[in-house]
Amino acid sequence: MKKPIAIIPARGGSKRIPRKNIVDINGKPMISYAIETALKSQIFGEVIVSTEDAEIKEISISFGAKVIDRPDELATDTVFETDVYKHVLSTFDTPPPFFCGIYATAIFIEPHDLIDSFSMIKEDGSADIVMSTSRYQIHPFKALLENDQGYMEMVHPKECLMRSQTYPDYVASNGTFYWCRTQSYLKNPSYYPEKLKAYILPIDKGQDIDEPEDLEIARALKRIKSKII
């Protein structure tokens, strides 16, 4: 079987954290961690970065990735990764049967996470997507919403009063990676097809990096994990 590819979307125009995809994380550009993890897994035929940015391109190549130049119309902040994946796949005469979309912010995943999750989609002939997920730190049944009078109301009034050990085991995408079966993805480019499976990561591996405070938490956690105190 043709080896899968990894696709790392990395545009240069992040607004909340300027230059986020290559911001320094304890001495290395952020995107380098995702590239190195993908390469160390040794399951990919190619690790591809999609970018329109010259500096991101140079850094990605220096860490061993192949770069496919992204058209300007796919480099805006309104474009979804799904369109970026389709563009990368269109550059292949015959795309591989599987690909893995990995976020540049996935700095805590390990090679075995990619290997184990790949086994899930490869061994289940019906699965279209294997999504990297984490469990909620606070269960959604505990959600509150402010009403018109300025007071908080339970969003799930019945379930909120149940004993927490009876709650269903909800998980959610943690924005680290997605395994996709290529042909079914091209027919329905969505992260939420009918046949979706979850690969569960511990919360500390799924640390989201969207706001400046997230970045500082990620840097501190990386220092702890790397024993750089």
Protein backbone atom coordinates (compact mmCIF):
# COMPACT_ATOMS: atom_id res chain seq x y z
CA MET A 1 0.00 0.00 0.00
CA LYS A 2 1.19 3.49 -0.84
CA LYS A 3 2.37 5.31 2.30
CA PRO A 4 0.10 8.04 3.69
CA ILE A 5 1.15 11.67 3.68
CA ALA A 6 1.08 14.27 6.43
CA ILE A 7 -0.27 17.72 5.57
CA ILE A 8 0.52 20.62 7.91
CA PRO A 9 -1.41 23.83 7.05
CA ALA A 10 0.65 26.88 8.04
CA ARG A 11 -0.31 30.26 6.67
CA GLY A 12 1.63 33.32 7.74
CA GLY A 13 -1.18 35.71 8.67
CA SER A 14 -2.23 34.73 12.18
CA LYS A 15 -3.84 37.69 13.97
CA ARG A 16 -4.32 36.74 17.65
CA ILE A 17 -0.72 35.50 17.91
CA PRO A 18 1.33 37.17 15.15
CA ARG A 19 3.49 34.67 13.23
CA LYS A 20 2.01 31.94 15.42
CA ASN A 21 3.08 28.97 13.35
CA ILE A 22 6.77 29.81 13.74
CA VAL A 23 6.71 31.58 17.09
CA ASP A 24 9.48 30.50 19.46
CA ILE A 25 8.66 27.60 21.74
CA ASN A 26 11.63 27.05 24.03
CA GLY A 27 14.24 27.69 21.38
CA LYS A 28 12.52 26.20 18.33
CA PRO A 29 9.84 27.43 15.91
CA MET A 30 6.45 25.98 16.78
CA ILE A 31 5.95 24.18 13.47
CA SER A 32 9.19 22.24 13.93
CA TYR A 33 7.62 20.03 16.61
CA ALA A 34 4.83 18.81 14.33
CA ILE A 35 7.26 18.20 11.46
CA GLU A 36 9.73 16.29 13.64
CA THR A 37 7.02 14.17 15.25
CA ALA A 38 5.60 13.22 11.85
CA LEU A 39 9.04 12.32 10.51
CA LYS A 40 9.95 10.30 13.61
CA SER A 41 6.79 8.20 13.25
CA GLN A 42 8.25 6.84 9.97
CA ILE A 43 4.78 6.09 8.61
CA PHE A 44 4.56 8.91 6.06
CA GLY A 45 5.79 8.90 2.49
CA GLU A 46 6.00 12.69 2.70
CA VAL A 47 5.50 15.34 5.36
CA ILE A 48 4.11 18.35 3.51
CA VAL A 49 3.69 21.91 4.73
CA SER A 50 1.19 24.06 2.85
CA THR A 51 2.05 27.75 3.12
CA GLU A 52 2.15 31.03 1.20
CA ASP A 53 4.82 32.44 3.52
CA ALA A 54 8.50 32.52 2.52
CA GLU A 55 9.86 32.33 6.07
CA ILE A 56 7.59 29.44 7.04
CA LYS A 57 8.66 27.68 3.84
CA GLU A 58 12.35 28.10 4.62
CA ILE A 59 11.96 26.90 8.22
CA SER A 60 9.82 23.91 7.23
CA ILE A 61 12.34 22.74 4.65
CA SER A 62 15.19 23.12 7.16
CA PHE A 63 13.39 20.69 9.49
CA GLY A 64 12.86 18.11 6.75
CA ALA A 65 9.41 18.86 5.35
CA LYS A 66 8.41 19.25 1.73
CA VAL A 67 6.60 22.52 1.00
CA ILE A 68 3.74 23.03 -1.44
CA ASP A 69 3.13 26.70 -2.19
CA ARG A 70 -0.37 27.75 -1.28
CA PRO A 71 -2.32 30.04 -3.65
CA ASP A 72 -3.17 33.46 -2.19
CA GLU A 73 -6.90 32.71 -2.33
CA LEU A 74 -6.30 29.84 0.12
CA ALA A 75 -4.23 31.98 2.51
CA THR A 76 -6.97 34.15 4.03
CA ASP A 77 -8.33 33.83 7.56
CA THR A 78 -11.70 32.67 6.20
CA VAL A 79 -10.37 29.60 4.38
CA PHE A 80 -10.89 26.19 5.98
CA GLU A 81 -8.19 23.54 6.21
CA THR A 82 -10.47 21.27 4.21
CA ASP A 83 -9.82 23.42 1.10
CA VAL A 84 -6.09 23.39 1.81
CA TYR A 85 -6.06 19.59 1.99
CA LYS A 86 -7.92 19.36 -1.31
CA HIS A 87 -5.35 21.64 -2.94
CA VAL A 88 -2.43 19.53 -1.70
CA LEU A 89 -4.10 16.29 -2.80
CA SER A 90 -4.73 17.80 -6.24
CA THR A 91 -0.97 17.99 -6.80
CA PHE A 92 -0.75 14.18 -6.85
CA ASP A 93 -1.46 12.16 -10.00
CA THR A 94 -2.67 9.42 -7.67
CA PRO A 95 -3.10 10.58 -4.08
CA PRO A 96 -2.36 8.09 -1.31
CA PRO A 97 -5.28 6.19 0.24
CA PHE A 98 -4.83 8.00 3.58
CA PHE A 99 -3.56 11.37 4.74
CA CYS A 100 -3.18 13.00 8.13
CA GLY A 101 -3.88 16.68 8.65
CA ILE A 102 -1.64 17.87 11.48
CA TYR A 103 -1.87 21.33 13.02
CA ALA A 104 1.33 23.35 13.40
CA THR A 105 0.26 23.90 17.02
CA ALA A 106 0.36 20.15 17.79
CA ILE A 107 3.56 20.45 19.80
CA PHE A 108 2.84 17.77 22.40
CA ILE A 109 1.81 14.76 20.32
CA GLU A 110 4.25 11.87 20.05
CA PRO A 111 5.10 9.54 17.17
CA HIS A 112 3.15 6.68 18.73
CA ASP A 113 -0.01 8.82 18.71
CA LEU A 114 0.20 9.07 14.93
CA ILE A 115 1.09 5.38 14.59
CA ASP A 116 -1.70 4.14 16.88
CA SER A 117 -4.36 6.39 15.35
CA PHE A 118 -3.31 5.36 11.85
CA SER A 119 -3.86 1.73 12.86
CA MET A 120 -7.43 2.62 13.84
CA ILE A 121 -8.43 3.93 10.40
CA LYS A 122 -6.36 1.38 8.50
CA GLU A 123 -7.86 -1.61 10.33
CA ASP A 124 -11.44 -0.35 10.21
CA GLY A 125 -12.36 -0.56 6.55
CA SER A 126 -15.46 1.61 7.05
CA ALA A 127 -14.04 4.52 9.06
CA ASP A 128 -13.74 7.77 7.10
CA ILE A 129 -12.03 9.91 9.75
CA VAL A 130 -10.09 9.25 12.94
CA MET A 131 -10.17 12.48 14.94
CA SER A 132 -7.78 13.33 17.75
CA THR A 133 -9.95 14.18 20.75
CA SER A 134 -9.72 14.85 24.48
CA ARG A 135 -12.19 14.54 27.33
CA TYR A 136 -13.69 17.70 28.80
CA GLN A 137 -12.05 19.11 31.94
CA ILE A 138 -15.51 20.35 32.96
CA HIS A 139 -18.36 18.28 31.57
CA PRO A 140 -20.76 20.07 29.16
CA PHE A 141 -23.70 19.16 31.41
CA LYS A 142 -22.32 21.76 33.88
CA ALA A 143 -22.70 24.58 31.34
CA LEU A 144 -24.39 27.83 32.45
CA LEU A 145 -25.76 30.61 30.24
CA GLU A 146 -26.74 34.14 31.22
CA ASN A 147 -30.45 34.86 30.71
CA ASP A 148 -32.17 38.15 29.79
CA GLN A 149 -32.30 39.19 33.46
CA GLY A 150 -28.55 38.79 33.92
CA TYR A 151 -28.77 35.57 35.95
CA MET A 152 -27.16 32.27 35.10
CA GLU A 153 -29.28 29.32 34.03
CA MET A 154 -28.39 25.68 33.56
CA VAL A 155 -28.16 24.76 29.88
CA HIS A 156 -28.91 21.13 30.79
CA PRO A 157 -31.12 21.52 33.89
CA LYS A 158 -31.99 17.84 34.24
CA GLU A 159 -28.56 16.41 33.49
CA CYS A 160 -26.73 19.05 35.56
CA LEU A 161 -28.30 17.66 38.74
CA MET A 162 -27.27 14.07 37.99
CA ARG A 163 -24.30 12.50 39.77
CA SER A 164 -21.19 13.24 37.71
CA GLN A 165 -20.11 9.60 37.62
CA THR A 166 -23.23 8.85 35.56
CA TYR A 167 -22.38 11.39 32.85
CA PRO A 168 -21.68 10.01 29.35
CA ASP A 169 -18.04 10.00 28.29
CA TYR A 170 -18.10 13.04 26.00
CA VAL A 171 -15.02 13.98 23.97
CA ALA A 172 -14.29 16.83 21.55
CA SER A 173 -11.77 17.59 18.85
CA ASN A 174 -8.62 19.06 20.36
CA GLY A 175 -7.28 20.52 17.11
CA THR A 176 -4.11 18.44 16.84
CA PHE A 177 -4.60 15.99 13.96
CA TYR A 178 -7.14 14.17 11.78
CA TRP A 179 -6.62 10.95 9.83
CA CYS A 180 -8.67 10.88 6.62
CA ARG A 181 -9.51 8.18 4.10
CA THR A 182 -8.68 10.11 0.94
CA GLN A 183 -11.39 8.99 -1.46
CA SER A 184 -14.27 9.40 0.99
CA TYR A 185 -12.80 12.74 2.10
CA LEU A 186 -12.68 14.07 -1.46
CA LYS A 187 -16.35 13.14 -1.87
CA ASN A 188 -17.30 14.75 1.45
CA PRO A 189 -14.58 17.14 2.70
CA SER A 190 -15.68 17.33 6.31
CA TYR A 191 -14.20 16.44 9.69
CA TYR A 192 -17.60 15.05 10.73
CA PRO A 193 -18.63 12.28 8.35
CA GLU A 194 -21.05 9.55 9.31
CA LYS A 195 -18.27 7.08 10.08
CA LEU A 196 -16.08 8.99 12.51
CA LYS A 197 -13.83 7.44 15.16
CA ALA A 198 -12.07 9.12 18.08
CA TYR A 199 -8.48 8.74 19.16
CA ILE A 200 -8.35 10.04 22.73
CA LEU A 201 -5.37 12.13 23.83
CA PRO A 202 -4.70 13.23 27.41
CA ILE A 203 -5.64 16.87 27.92
CA ASP A 204 -2.01 17.98 28.30
CA LYS A 205 -1.20 16.65 24.81
CA GLY A 206 -4.12 18.52 23.27
CA GLN A 207 -3.19 21.96 24.60
CA ASP A 208 -4.83 24.52 22.32
CA ILE A 209 -2.80 27.59 21.28
CA ASP A 210 -5.14 30.33 20.07
CA GLU A 211 -4.59 33.23 22.46
CA PRO A 212 -1.38 34.81 23.89
CA GLU A 213 -2.09 33.25 27.30
CA ASP A 214 -2.36 29.82 25.65
CA LEU A 215 1.12 30.37 24.24
CA GLU A 216 2.60 31.06 27.66
CA ILE A 217 0.92 27.97 29.11
CA ALA A 218 2.26 25.88 26.23
CA ARG A 219 5.78 27.20 26.74
CA ALA A 220 5.66 26.42 30.45
CA LEU A 221 4.22 22.95 29.86
CA LYS A 222 6.87 22.24 27.21
CA ARG A 223 9.60 23.25 29.65
CA ILE A 224 8.16 20.91 32.27
CA LYS A 225 7.83 18.02 29.83
CA SER A 226 11.34 18.63 28.51
CA LYS A 227 12.70 19.09 32.06
CA ILE A 228 13.92 22.57 31.15
CA ILE A 229 13.09 24.40 34.36
